[in-house]
Amino acid sequence: MKRPAWVTNEEEWTKLCCQISARSADLLEKRLGIVDAARQLSALGHSVRASDDADFTTFTAIDSESDHLPIGAVRREWAPDALRQKEAEIHAIEDRWRDAAFTAARNLLEKYA
């Protein structure tokens, strides 16, 4: 993506673009789940001042809908029976958002590669 005029730190901008591309590719190649990718991409959208971009808003919506669910390292702190219950919710959200998330990830990969 062309560097916006507000960018004053070229190195930081490049790093953020690489992170957006990497998280998008991780999702598309199924190395990262939809909810986990949404949390990371939503934050990155804020970092590049693109939270109004439709592709980032897709991930912000997923993040908002799933913010109560245990993803990542926090899972170690949950009881196994509670994790099993939440796992069903995670799968339901990921099934509902899969097509939109993959489309948004492809778009972000094109924009920020």
PDB file of N, CA and C in Angstrom:
ATOM      1  N   MET A   1       0.847  -1.182   0.000  1.00  0.00           N
ATOM      2  CA  MET A   1       0.000   0.000   0.000  1.00  0.00           C
ATOM      3  C   MET A   1       0.887   1.238   0.000  1.00  0.00           C
ATOM      4  N   LYS A   2       0.429   2.235  -0.689  1.00  0.00           N
ATOM      5  CA  LYS A   2       1.161   3.495  -0.700  1.00  0.00           C
ATOM      6  C   LYS A   2       1.117   4.095   0.698  1.00  0.00           C
ATOM      7  N   ARG A   3       2.231   4.606   1.122  1.00  0.00           N
ATOM      8  CA  ARG A   3       2.337   5.201   2.452  1.00  0.00           C
ATOM      9  C   ARG A   3       1.466   6.452   2.537  1.00  0.00           C
ATOM     10  N   PRO A   4       0.545   6.501   3.521  1.00  0.00           N
ATOM     11  CA  PRO A   4      -0.292   7.700   3.690  1.00  0.00           C
ATOM     12  C   PRO A   4       0.543   8.903   4.138  1.00  0.00           C
ATOM     13  N   ALA A   5       0.028  10.075   3.903  1.00  0.00           N
ATOM     14  CA  ALA A   5       0.746  11.314   4.237  1.00  0.00           C
ATOM     15  C   ALA A   5       1.001  11.449   5.739  1.00  0.00           C
ATOM     16  N   TRP A   6       0.143  10.867   6.575  1.00  0.00           N
ATOM     17  CA  TRP A   6       0.312  11.010   8.022  1.00  0.00           C
ATOM     18  C   TRP A   6       1.475  10.192   8.576  1.00  0.00           C
ATOM     19  N   VAL A   7       1.995   9.270   7.790  1.00  0.00           N
ATOM     20  CA  VAL A   7       3.078   8.409   8.262  1.00  0.00           C
ATOM     21  C   VAL A   7       4.371   9.213   8.347  1.00  0.00           C
ATOM     22  N   THR A   8       4.958   9.249   9.531  1.00  0.00           N
ATOM     23  CA  THR A   8       6.228   9.952   9.721  1.00  0.00           C
ATOM     24  C   THR A   8       7.372   8.984  10.000  1.00  0.00           C
ATOM     25  N   ASN A   9       7.026   7.736  10.284  1.00  0.00           N
ATOM     26  CA  ASN A   9       8.044   6.730  10.575  1.00  0.00           C
ATOM     27  C   ASN A   9       7.908   5.603   9.549  1.00  0.00           C
ATOM     28  N   GLU A  10       8.704   5.680   8.515  1.00  0.00           N
ATOM     29  CA  GLU A  10       8.628   4.710   7.417  1.00  0.00           C
ATOM     30  C   GLU A  10       8.879   3.283   7.902  1.00  0.00           C
ATOM     31  N   GLU A  11       9.812   3.111   8.817  1.00  0.00           N
ATOM     32  CA  GLU A  11      10.141   1.779   9.333  1.00  0.00           C
ATOM     33  C   GLU A  11       8.944   1.172  10.079  1.00  0.00           C
ATOM     34  N   GLU A  12       8.299   1.956  10.892  1.00  0.00           N
ATOM     35  CA  GLU A  12       7.119   1.469  11.643  1.00  0.00           C
ATOM     36  C   GLU A  12       5.981   1.142  10.668  1.00  0.00           C
ATOM     37  N   TRP A  13       5.777   1.990   9.678  1.00  0.00           N
ATOM     38  CA  TRP A  13       4.733   1.746   8.671  1.00  0.00           C
ATOM     39  C   TRP A  13       4.985   0.417   7.951  1.00  0.00           C
ATOM     40  N   THR A  14       6.205   0.194   7.542  1.00  0.00           N
ATOM     41  CA  THR A  14       6.563  -1.047   6.848  1.00  0.00           C
ATOM     42  C   THR A  14       6.336  -2.250   7.752  1.00  0.00           C
ATOM     43  N   LYS A  15       6.711  -2.122   9.012  1.00  0.00           N
ATOM     44  CA  LYS A  15       6.521  -3.205   9.981  1.00  0.00           C
ATOM     45  C   LYS A  15       5.032  -3.534  10.132  1.00  0.00           C
ATOM     46  N   LEU A  16       4.187  -2.521  10.253  1.00  0.00           N
ATOM     47  CA  LEU A  16       2.744  -2.739  10.386  1.00  0.00           C
ATOM     48  C   LEU A  16       2.160  -3.388   9.137  1.00  0.00           C
ATOM     49  N   CYS A  17       2.590  -2.928   7.964  1.00  0.00           N
ATOM     50  CA  CYS A  17       2.116  -3.536   6.712  1.00  0.00           C
ATOM     51  C   CYS A  17       2.506  -5.005   6.645  1.00  0.00           C
ATOM     52  N   CYS A  18       3.714  -5.320   7.064  1.00  0.00           N
ATOM     53  CA  CYS A  18       4.173  -6.717   7.081  1.00  0.00           C
ATOM     54  C   CYS A  18       3.357  -7.553   8.057  1.00  0.00           C
ATOM     55  N   GLN A  19       3.021  -6.982   9.208  1.00  0.00           N
ATOM     56  CA  GLN A  19       2.212  -7.705  10.189  1.00  0.00           C
ATOM     57  C   GLN A  19       0.797  -7.959   9.657  1.00  0.00           C
ATOM     58  N   ILE A  20       0.219  -6.985   8.999  1.00  0.00           N
ATOM     59  CA  ILE A  20      -1.116  -7.151   8.414  1.00  0.00           C
ATOM     60  C   ILE A  20      -1.073  -8.246   7.353  1.00  0.00           C
ATOM     61  N   SER A  21      -0.074  -8.193   6.505  1.00  0.00           N
ATOM     62  CA  SER A  21       0.065  -9.215   5.459  1.00  0.00           C
ATOM     63  C   SER A  21       0.278 -10.599   6.067  1.00  0.00           C
ATOM     64  N   ALA A  22       1.128 -10.674   7.075  1.00  0.00           N
ATOM     65  CA  ALA A  22       1.428 -11.964   7.701  1.00  0.00           C
ATOM     66  C   ALA A  22       0.206 -12.553   8.401  1.00  0.00           C
ATOM     67  N   ARG A  23      -0.531 -11.748   9.152  1.00  0.00           N
ATOM     68  CA  ARG A  23      -1.718 -12.264   9.849  1.00  0.00           C
ATOM     69  C   ARG A  23      -2.796 -12.658   8.843  1.00  0.00           C
ATOM     70  N   SER A  24      -2.925 -11.907   7.764  1.00  0.00           N
ATOM     71  CA  SER A  24      -3.891 -12.251   6.720  1.00  0.00           C
ATOM     72  C   SER A  24      -3.522 -13.579   6.070  1.00  0.00           C
ATOM     73  N   ALA A  25      -2.252 -13.741   5.751  1.00  0.00           N
ATOM     74  CA  ALA A  25      -1.781 -15.000   5.157  1.00  0.00           C
ATOM     75  C   ALA A  25      -1.933 -16.160   6.140  1.00  0.00           C
ATOM     76  N   ASP A  26      -1.636 -15.916   7.412  1.00  0.00           N
ATOM     77  CA  ASP A  26      -1.796 -16.964   8.428  1.00  0.00           C
ATOM     78  C   ASP A  26      -3.235 -17.456   8.485  1.00  0.00           C
ATOM     79  N   LEU A  27      -4.176 -16.535   8.383  1.00  0.00           N
ATOM     80  CA  LEU A  27      -5.588 -16.928   8.385  1.00  0.00           C
ATOM     81  C   LEU A  27      -5.920 -17.718   7.127  1.00  0.00           C
ATOM     82  N   LEU A  28      -5.544 -17.196   5.986  1.00  0.00           N
ATOM     83  CA  LEU A  28      -5.871 -17.852   4.722  1.00  0.00           C
ATOM     84  C   LEU A  28      -5.244 -19.236   4.604  1.00  0.00           C
ATOM     85  N   GLU A  29      -4.083 -19.403   5.205  1.00  0.00           N
ATOM     86  CA  GLU A  29      -3.402 -20.696   5.156  1.00  0.00           C
ATOM     87  C   GLU A  29      -3.709 -21.555   6.391  1.00  0.00           C
ATOM     88  N   LYS A  30      -4.670 -21.091   7.182  1.00  0.00           N
ATOM     89  CA  LYS A  30      -5.196 -21.813   8.351  1.00  0.00           C
ATOM     90  C   LYS A  30      -4.153 -22.111   9.418  1.00  0.00           C
ATOM     91  N   ARG A  31      -3.174 -21.237   9.536  1.00  0.00           N
ATOM     92  CA  ARG A  31      -2.220 -21.324  10.637  1.00  0.00           C
ATOM     93  C   ARG A  31      -2.740 -20.562  11.850  1.00  0.00           C
ATOM     94  N   LEU A  32      -3.799 -19.788  11.636  1.00  0.00           N
ATOM     95  CA  LEU A  32      -4.391 -18.957  12.666  1.00  0.00           C
ATOM     96  C   LEU A  32      -5.899 -19.055  12.524  1.00  0.00           C
ATOM     97  N   GLY A  33      -6.586 -19.187  13.639  1.00  0.00           N
ATOM     98  CA  GLY A  33      -8.045 -19.251  13.611  1.00  0.00           C
ATOM     99  C   GLY A  33      -8.658 -17.893  13.311  1.00  0.00           C
ATOM    100  N   ILE A  34      -9.923 -17.910  12.954  1.00  0.00           N
ATOM    101  CA  ILE A  34     -10.622 -16.676  12.583  1.00  0.00           C
ATOM    102  C   ILE A  34     -10.700 -15.698  13.744  1.00  0.00           C
ATOM    103  N   VAL A  35     -11.044 -16.175  14.921  1.00  0.00           N
ATOM    104  CA  VAL A  35     -11.181 -15.282  16.080  1.00  0.00           C
ATOM    105  C   VAL A  35      -9.822 -14.693  16.469  1.00  0.00           C
ATOM    106  N   ASP A  36      -8.814 -15.523  16.511  1.00  0.00           N
ATOM    107  CA  ASP A  36      -7.474 -15.036  16.845  1.00  0.00           C
ATOM    108  C   ASP A  36      -6.996 -14.025  15.811  1.00  0.00           C
ATOM    109  N   ALA A  37      -7.182 -14.326  14.541  1.00  0.00           N
ATOM    110  CA  ALA A  37      -6.792 -13.390  13.480  1.00  0.00           C
ATOM    111  C   ALA A  37      -7.571 -12.084  13.595  1.00  0.00           C
ATOM    112  N   ALA A  38      -8.851 -12.188  13.913  1.00  0.00           N
ATOM    113  CA  ALA A  38      -9.691 -10.992  14.036  1.00  0.00           C
ATOM    114  C   ALA A  38      -9.165 -10.071  15.133  1.00  0.00           C
ATOM    115  N   ARG A  39      -8.782 -10.650  16.254  1.00  0.00           N
ATOM    116  CA  ARG A  39      -8.271  -9.830  17.351  1.00  0.00           C
ATOM    117  C   ARG A  39      -7.006  -9.095  16.933  1.00  0.00           C
ATOM    118  N   GLN A  40      -6.136  -9.775  16.257  1.00  0.00           N
ATOM    119  CA  GLN A  40      -4.878  -9.160  15.846  1.00  0.00           C
ATOM    120  C   GLN A  40      -5.077  -8.150  14.722  1.00  0.00           C
ATOM    121  N   LEU A  41      -5.888  -8.493  13.731  1.00  0.00           N
ATOM    122  CA  LEU A  41      -6.099  -7.587  12.599  1.00  0.00           C
ATOM    123  C   LEU A  41      -6.919  -6.364  12.988  1.00  0.00           C
ATOM    124  N   SER A  42      -7.845  -6.526  13.904  1.00  0.00           N
ATOM    125  CA  SER A  42      -8.609  -5.376  14.387  1.00  0.00           C
ATOM    126  C   SER A  42      -7.669  -4.351  15.028  1.00  0.00           C
ATOM    127  N   ALA A  43      -6.768  -4.823  15.870  1.00  0.00           N
ATOM    128  CA  ALA A  43      -5.793  -3.928  16.512  1.00  0.00           C
ATOM    129  C   ALA A  43      -4.870  -3.281  15.477  1.00  0.00           C
ATOM    130  N   LEU A  44      -4.432  -4.069  14.499  1.00  0.00           N
ATOM    131  CA  LEU A  44      -3.565  -3.517  13.459  1.00  0.00           C
ATOM    132  C   LEU A  44      -4.297  -2.465  12.629  1.00  0.00           C
ATOM    133  N   GLY A  45      -5.583  -2.644  12.409  1.00  0.00           N
ATOM    134  CA  GLY A  45      -6.368  -1.642  11.684  1.00  0.00           C
ATOM    135  C   GLY A  45      -6.352  -0.296  12.388  1.00  0.00           C
ATOM    136  N   HIS A  46      -6.420  -0.338  13.717  1.00  0.00           N
ATOM    137  CA  HIS A  46      -6.331   0.911  14.484  1.00  0.00           C
ATOM    138  C   HIS A  46      -4.936   1.522  14.351  1.00  0.00           C
ATOM    139  N   SER A  47      -3.928   0.664  14.353  1.00  0.00           N
ATOM    140  CA  SER A  47      -2.545   1.146  14.272  1.00  0.00           C
ATOM    141  C   SER A  47      -2.235   1.855  12.960  1.00  0.00           C
ATOM    142  N   VAL A  48      -2.896   1.427  11.881  1.00  0.00           N
ATOM    143  CA  VAL A  48      -2.661   2.076  10.584  1.00  0.00           C
ATOM    144  C   VAL A  48      -3.778   3.070  10.234  1.00  0.00           C
ATOM    145  N   ARG A  49      -4.564   3.430  11.238  1.00  0.00           N
ATOM    146  CA  ARG A  49      -5.648   4.416  11.084  1.00  0.00           C
ATOM    147  C   ARG A  49      -6.636   4.025   9.984  1.00  0.00           C
ATOM    148  N   ALA A  50      -6.944   2.733   9.924  1.00  0.00           N
ATOM    149  CA  ALA A  50      -7.849   2.235   8.891  1.00  0.00           C
ATOM    150  C   ALA A  50      -9.035   1.499   9.499  1.00  0.00           C
ATOM    151  N   SER A  51      -9.394   1.847  10.720  1.00  0.00           N
ATOM    152  CA  SER A  51     -10.476   1.126  11.377  1.00  0.00           C
ATOM    153  C   SER A  51     -11.826   1.312  10.688  1.00  0.00           C
ATOM    154  N   ASP A  52     -11.946   2.293   9.791  1.00  0.00           N
ATOM    155  CA  ASP A  52     -13.186   2.464   9.033  1.00  0.00           C
ATOM    156  C   ASP A  52     -13.175   1.676   7.726  1.00  0.00           C
ATOM    157  N   ASP A  53     -12.043   1.096   7.376  1.00  0.00           N
ATOM    158  CA  ASP A  53     -11.926   0.269   6.174  1.00  0.00           C
ATOM    159  C   ASP A  53     -12.816  -0.963   6.348  1.00  0.00           C
ATOM    160  N   ALA A  54     -13.613  -1.277   5.350  1.00  0.00           N
ATOM    161  CA  ALA A  54     -14.577  -2.384   5.441  1.00  0.00           C
ATOM    162  C   ALA A  54     -13.919  -3.715   5.792  1.00  0.00           C
ATOM    163  N   ASP A  55     -12.719  -3.936   5.322  1.00  0.00           N
ATOM    164  CA  ASP A  55     -12.039  -5.193   5.630  1.00  0.00           C
ATOM    165  C   ASP A  55     -11.641  -5.259   7.094  1.00  0.00           C
ATOM    166  N   PHE A  56     -11.155  -4.165   7.634  1.00  0.00           N
ATOM    167  CA  PHE A  56     -10.834  -4.140   9.059  1.00  0.00           C
ATOM    168  C   PHE A  56     -12.102  -4.173   9.916  1.00  0.00           C
ATOM    169  N   THR A  57     -13.178  -3.543   9.465  1.00  0.00           N
ATOM    170  CA  THR A  57     -14.411  -3.570  10.265  1.00  0.00           C
ATOM    171  C   THR A  57     -14.983  -4.979  10.355  1.00  0.00           C
ATOM    172  N   THR A  58     -14.736  -5.800   9.348  1.00  0.00           N
ATOM    173  CA  THR A  58     -15.134  -7.208   9.433  1.00  0.00           C
ATOM    174  C   THR A  58     -14.456  -7.854  10.630  1.00  0.00           C
ATOM    175  N   PHE A  59     -13.164  -7.630  10.767  1.00  0.00           N
ATOM    176  CA  PHE A  59     -12.426  -8.237  11.871  1.00  0.00           C
ATOM    177  C   PHE A  59     -12.780  -7.604  13.211  1.00  0.00           C
ATOM    178  N   THR A  60     -13.096  -6.321  13.210  1.00  0.00           N
ATOM    179  CA  THR A  60     -13.527  -5.669  14.442  1.00  0.00           C
ATOM    180  C   THR A  60     -14.867  -6.251  14.907  1.00  0.00           C
ATOM    181  N   ALA A  61     -15.760  -6.533  13.965  1.00  0.00           N
ATOM    182  CA  ALA A  61     -17.054  -7.132  14.317  1.00  0.00           C
ATOM    183  C   ALA A  61     -16.871  -8.533  14.896  1.00  0.00           C
ATOM    184  N   ILE A  62     -15.997  -9.318  14.292  1.00  0.00           N
ATOM    185  CA  ILE A  62     -15.723 -10.667  14.803  1.00  0.00           C
ATOM    186  C   ILE A  62     -15.117 -10.568  16.201  1.00  0.00           C
ATOM    187  N   ASP A  63     -14.166  -9.679  16.366  1.00  0.00           N
ATOM    188  CA  ASP A  63     -13.514  -9.477  17.664  1.00  0.00           C
ATOM    189  C   ASP A  63     -14.542  -9.080  18.715  1.00  0.00           C
ATOM    190  N   SER A  64     -15.416  -8.175  18.374  1.00  0.00           N
ATOM    191  CA  SER A  64     -16.439  -7.717  19.312  1.00  0.00           C
ATOM    192  C   SER A  64     -17.388  -8.842  19.711  1.00  0.00           C
ATOM    193  N   GLU A  65     -17.784  -9.637  18.741  1.00  0.00           N
ATOM    194  CA  GLU A  65     -18.712 -10.733  19.004  1.00  0.00           C
ATOM    195  C   GLU A  65     -18.074 -11.845  19.841  1.00  0.00           C
ATOM    196  N   SER A  66     -16.763 -11.952  19.785  1.00  0.00           N
ATOM    197  CA  SER A  66     -16.080 -13.076  20.431  1.00  0.00           C
ATOM    198  C   SER A  66     -15.162 -12.660  21.577  1.00  0.00           C
ATOM    199  N   ASP A  67     -15.244 -11.410  22.020  1.00  0.00           N
ATOM    200  CA  ASP A  67     -14.265 -10.926  23.000  1.00  0.00           C
ATOM    201  C   ASP A  67     -14.329 -11.636  24.350  1.00  0.00           C
ATOM    202  N   HIS A  68     -15.396 -12.361  24.603  1.00  0.00           N
ATOM    203  CA  HIS A  68     -15.542 -13.095  25.871  1.00  0.00           C
ATOM    204  C   HIS A  68     -14.956 -14.512  25.793  1.00  0.00           C
ATOM    205  N   LEU A  69     -14.481 -14.899  24.629  1.00  0.00           N
ATOM    206  CA  LEU A  69     -14.010 -16.270  24.428  1.00  0.00           C
ATOM    207  C   LEU A  69     -12.505 -16.395  24.657  1.00  0.00           C
ATOM    208  N   PRO A  70     -12.082 -17.534  25.220  1.00  0.00           N
ATOM    209  CA  PRO A  70     -10.656 -17.745  25.490  1.00  0.00           C
ATOM    210  C   PRO A  70      -9.893 -18.151  24.227  1.00  0.00           C
ATOM    211  N   ILE A  71      -8.989 -17.296  23.807  1.00  0.00           N
ATOM    212  CA  ILE A  71      -8.169 -17.541  22.623  1.00  0.00           C
ATOM    213  C   ILE A  71      -6.713 -17.320  23.025  1.00  0.00           C
ATOM    214  N   GLY A  72      -5.843 -18.165  22.538  1.00  0.00           N
ATOM    215  CA  GLY A  72      -4.418 -17.991  22.789  1.00  0.00           C
ATOM    216  C   GLY A  72      -3.987 -18.473  24.159  1.00  0.00           C
ATOM    217  N   ALA A  73      -2.994 -17.796  24.707  1.00  0.00           N
ATOM    218  CA  ALA A  73      -2.358 -18.218  25.959  1.00  0.00           C
ATOM    219  C   ALA A  73      -3.316 -18.245  27.148  1.00  0.00           C
ATOM    220  N   VAL A  74      -4.340 -17.434  27.130  1.00  0.00           N
ATOM    221  CA  VAL A  74      -5.289 -17.381  28.253  1.00  0.00           C
ATOM    222  C   VAL A  74      -6.011 -18.717  28.453  1.00  0.00           C
ATOM    223  N   ARG A  75      -6.042 -19.535  27.437  1.00  0.00           N
ATOM    224  CA  ARG A  75      -6.712 -20.838  27.532  1.00  0.00           C
ATOM    225  C   ARG A  75      -6.104 -21.709  28.628  1.00  0.00           C
ATOM    226  N   ARG A  76      -4.826 -21.512  28.912  1.00  0.00           N
ATOM    227  CA  ARG A  76      -4.159 -22.300  29.962  1.00  0.00           C
ATOM    228  C   ARG A  76      -4.774 -22.042  31.337  1.00  0.00           C
ATOM    229  N   GLU A  77      -5.412 -20.910  31.495  1.00  0.00           N
ATOM    230  CA  GLU A  77      -5.992 -20.525  32.784  1.00  0.00           C
ATOM    231  C   GLU A  77      -7.434 -20.992  32.949  1.00  0.00           C
ATOM    232  N   TRP A  78      -8.015 -21.591  31.935  1.00  0.00           N
ATOM    233  CA  TRP A  78      -9.402 -22.035  31.970  1.00  0.00           C
ATOM    234  C   TRP A  78      -9.488 -23.514  32.328  1.00  0.00           C
ATOM    235  N   ALA A  79     -10.575 -23.860  32.999  1.00  0.00           N
ATOM    236  CA  ALA A  79     -10.843 -25.261  33.332  1.00  0.00           C
ATOM    237  C   ALA A  79     -11.210 -26.015  32.048  1.00  0.00           C
ATOM    238  N   PRO A  80     -10.791 -27.274  31.932  1.00  0.00           N
ATOM    239  CA  PRO A  80     -11.070 -28.056  30.719  1.00  0.00           C
ATOM    240  C   PRO A  80     -12.560 -28.129  30.359  1.00  0.00           C
ATOM    241  N   ASP A  81     -13.441 -28.283  31.342  1.00  0.00           N
ATOM    242  CA  ASP A  81     -14.873 -28.370  31.030  1.00  0.00           C
ATOM    243  C   ASP A  81     -15.408 -27.032  30.512  1.00  0.00           C
ATOM    244  N   ALA A  82     -14.919 -25.937  31.048  1.00  0.00           N
ATOM    245  CA  ALA A  82     -15.334 -24.614  30.567  1.00  0.00           C
ATOM    246  C   ALA A  82     -14.817 -24.378  29.146  1.00  0.00           C
ATOM    247  N   LEU A  83     -13.595 -24.831  28.880  1.00  0.00           N
ATOM    248  CA  LEU A  83     -13.042 -24.696  27.535  1.00  0.00           C
ATOM    249  C   LEU A  83     -13.870 -25.461  26.510  1.00  0.00           C
ATOM    250  N   ARG A  84     -14.320 -26.650  26.870  1.00  0.00           N
ATOM    251  CA  ARG A  84     -15.144 -27.439  25.945  1.00  0.00           C
ATOM    252  C   ARG A  84     -16.435 -26.691  25.590  1.00  0.00           C
ATOM    253  N   GLN A  85     -17.037 -26.055  26.578  1.00  0.00           N
ATOM    254  CA  GLN A  85     -18.257 -25.277  26.312  1.00  0.00           C
ATOM    255  C   GLN A  85     -17.965 -24.101  25.378  1.00  0.00           C
ATOM    256  N   LYS A  86     -16.907 -23.393  25.656  1.00  0.00           N
ATOM    257  CA  LYS A  86     -16.569 -22.215  24.855  1.00  0.00           C
ATOM    258  C   LYS A  86     -16.106 -22.603  23.458  1.00  0.00           C
ATOM    259  N   GLU A  87     -15.528 -23.790  23.327  1.00  0.00           N
ATOM    260  CA  GLU A  87     -15.064 -24.261  22.023  1.00  0.00           C
ATOM    261  C   GLU A  87     -16.223 -24.321  21.020  1.00  0.00           C
ATOM    262  N   ALA A  88     -17.389 -24.737  21.490  1.00  0.00           N
ATOM    263  CA  ALA A  88     -18.568 -24.780  20.618  1.00  0.00           C
ATOM    264  C   ALA A  88     -18.935 -23.375  20.140  1.00  0.00           C
ATOM    265  N   GLU A  89     -18.842 -22.404  21.024  1.00  0.00           N
ATOM    266  CA  GLU A  89     -19.126 -21.010  20.647  1.00  0.00           C
ATOM    267  C   GLU A  89     -18.106 -20.504  19.629  1.00  0.00           C
ATOM    268  N   ILE A  90     -16.836 -20.834  19.850  1.00  0.00           N
ATOM    269  CA  ILE A  90     -15.779 -20.413  18.926  1.00  0.00           C
ATOM    270  C   ILE A  90     -16.053 -20.978  17.538  1.00  0.00           C
ATOM    271  N   HIS A  91     -16.378 -22.261  17.482  1.00  0.00           N
ATOM    272  CA  HIS A  91     -16.650 -22.886  16.179  1.00  0.00           C
ATOM    273  C   HIS A  91     -17.860 -22.254  15.497  1.00  0.00           C
ATOM    274  N   ALA A  92     -18.896 -21.946  16.264  1.00  0.00           N
ATOM    275  CA  ALA A  92     -20.096 -21.324  15.684  1.00  0.00           C
ATOM    276  C   ALA A  92     -19.771 -19.951  15.090  1.00  0.00           C
ATOM    277  N   ILE A  93     -19.008 -19.163  15.818  1.00  0.00           N
ATOM    278  CA  ILE A  93     -18.632 -17.833  15.321  1.00  0.00           C
ATOM    279  C   ILE A  93     -17.752 -17.964  14.079  1.00  0.00           C
ATOM    280  N   GLU A  94     -16.795 -18.881  14.127  1.00  0.00           N
ATOM    281  CA  GLU A  94     -15.904 -19.049  12.976  1.00  0.00           C
ATOM    282  C   GLU A  94     -16.666 -19.558  11.757  1.00  0.00           C
ATOM    283  N   ASP A  95     -17.629 -20.440  11.954  1.00  0.00           N
ATOM    284  CA  ASP A  95     -18.447 -20.903  10.826  1.00  0.00           C
ATOM    285  C   ASP A  95     -19.261 -19.757  10.230  1.00  0.00           C
ATOM    286  N   ARG A  96     -19.845 -18.936  11.099  1.00  0.00           N
ATOM    287  CA  ARG A  96     -20.695 -17.828  10.646  1.00  0.00           C
ATOM    288  C   ARG A  96     -19.881 -16.777   9.875  1.00  0.00           C
ATOM    289  N   TRP A  97     -18.641 -16.535  10.280  1.00  0.00           N
ATOM    290  CA  TRP A  97     -17.845 -15.460   9.713  1.00  0.00           C
ATOM    291  C   TRP A  97     -16.817 -15.912   8.678  1.00  0.00           C
ATOM    292  N   ARG A  98     -16.689 -17.214   8.450  1.00  0.00           N
ATOM    293  CA  ARG A  98     -15.598 -17.740   7.614  1.00  0.00           C
ATOM    294  C   ARG A  98     -15.488 -17.036   6.248  1.00  0.00           C
ATOM    295  N   ASP A  99     -16.561 -17.007   5.493  1.00  0.00           N
ATOM    296  CA  ASP A  99     -16.494 -16.417   4.147  1.00  0.00           C
ATOM    297  C   ASP A  99     -16.096 -14.945   4.189  1.00  0.00           C
ATOM    298  N   ALA A 100     -16.715 -14.188   5.081  1.00  0.00           N
ATOM    299  CA  ALA A 100     -16.402 -12.758   5.182  1.00  0.00           C
ATOM    300  C   ALA A 100     -14.965 -12.543   5.644  1.00  0.00           C
ATOM    301  N   ALA A 101     -14.507 -13.352   6.589  1.00  0.00           N
ATOM    302  CA  ALA A 101     -13.142 -13.208   7.104  1.00  0.00           C
ATOM    303  C   ALA A 101     -12.112 -13.523   6.029  1.00  0.00           C
ATOM    304  N   PHE A 102     -12.347 -14.585   5.272  1.00  0.00           N
ATOM    305  CA  PHE A 102     -11.391 -14.947   4.231  1.00  0.00           C
ATOM    306  C   PHE A 102     -11.371 -13.904   3.116  1.00  0.00           C
ATOM    307  N   THR A 103     -12.517 -13.361   2.771  1.00  0.00           N
ATOM    308  CA  THR A 103     -12.565 -12.293   1.763  1.00  0.00           C
ATOM    309  C   THR A 103     -11.808 -11.065   2.257  1.00  0.00           C
ATOM    310  N   ALA A 104     -12.067 -10.670   3.498  1.00  0.00           N
ATOM    311  CA  ALA A 104     -11.385  -9.500   4.061  1.00  0.00           C
ATOM    312  C   ALA A 104      -9.880  -9.735   4.142  1.00  0.00           C
ATOM    313  N   ALA A 105      -9.468 -10.934   4.522  1.00  0.00           N
ATOM    314  CA  ALA A 105      -8.040 -11.242   4.612  1.00  0.00           C
ATOM    315  C   ALA A 105      -7.373 -11.167   3.234  1.00  0.00           C
ATOM    316  N   ARG A 106      -8.047 -11.693   2.219  1.00  0.00           N
ATOM    317  CA  ARG A 106      -7.491 -11.599   0.860  1.00  0.00           C
ATOM    318  C   ARG A 106      -7.348 -10.134   0.436  1.00  0.00           C
ATOM    319  N   ASN A 107      -8.361  -9.330   0.746  1.00  0.00           N
ATOM    320  CA  ASN A 107      -8.315  -7.915   0.401  1.00  0.00           C
ATOM    321  C   ASN A 107      -7.169  -7.192   1.121  1.00  0.00           C
ATOM    322  N   LEU A 108      -7.000  -7.475   2.416  1.00  0.00           N
ATOM    323  CA  LEU A 108      -5.933  -6.832   3.172  1.00  0.00           C
ATOM    324  C   LEU A 108      -4.564  -7.271   2.658  1.00  0.00           C
ATOM    325  N   LEU A 109      -4.460  -8.526   2.292  1.00  0.00           N
ATOM    326  CA  LEU A 109      -3.193  -9.020   1.764  1.00  0.00           C
ATOM    327  C   LEU A 109      -2.832  -8.275   0.473  1.00  0.00           C
ATOM    328  N   GLU A 110      -3.817  -8.011  -0.355  1.00  0.00           N
ATOM    329  CA  GLU A 110      -3.579  -7.246  -1.585  1.00  0.00           C
ATOM    330  C   GLU A 110      -3.196  -5.795  -1.277  1.00  0.00           C
ATOM    331  N   LYS A 111      -3.898  -5.187  -0.317  1.00  0.00           N
ATOM    332  CA  LYS A 111      -3.664  -3.783  -0.002  1.00  0.00           C
ATOM    333  C   LYS A 111      -2.327  -3.537   0.680  1.00  0.00           C
ATOM    334  N   TYR A 112      -1.929  -4.453   1.559  1.00  0.00           N
ATOM    335  CA  TYR A 112      -0.769  -4.188   2.412  1.00  0.00           C
ATOM    336  C   TYR A 112       0.476  -5.009   2.061  1.00  0.00           C
ATOM    337  N   ALA A 113       0.421  -5.779   0.995  1.00  0.00           N
ATOM    338  CA  ALA A 113       1.591  -6.586   0.606  1.00  0.00           C
ATOM    339  C   ALA A 113       2.731  -5.705   0.123  1.00  0.00           C
TER     340      ALA A 113
END
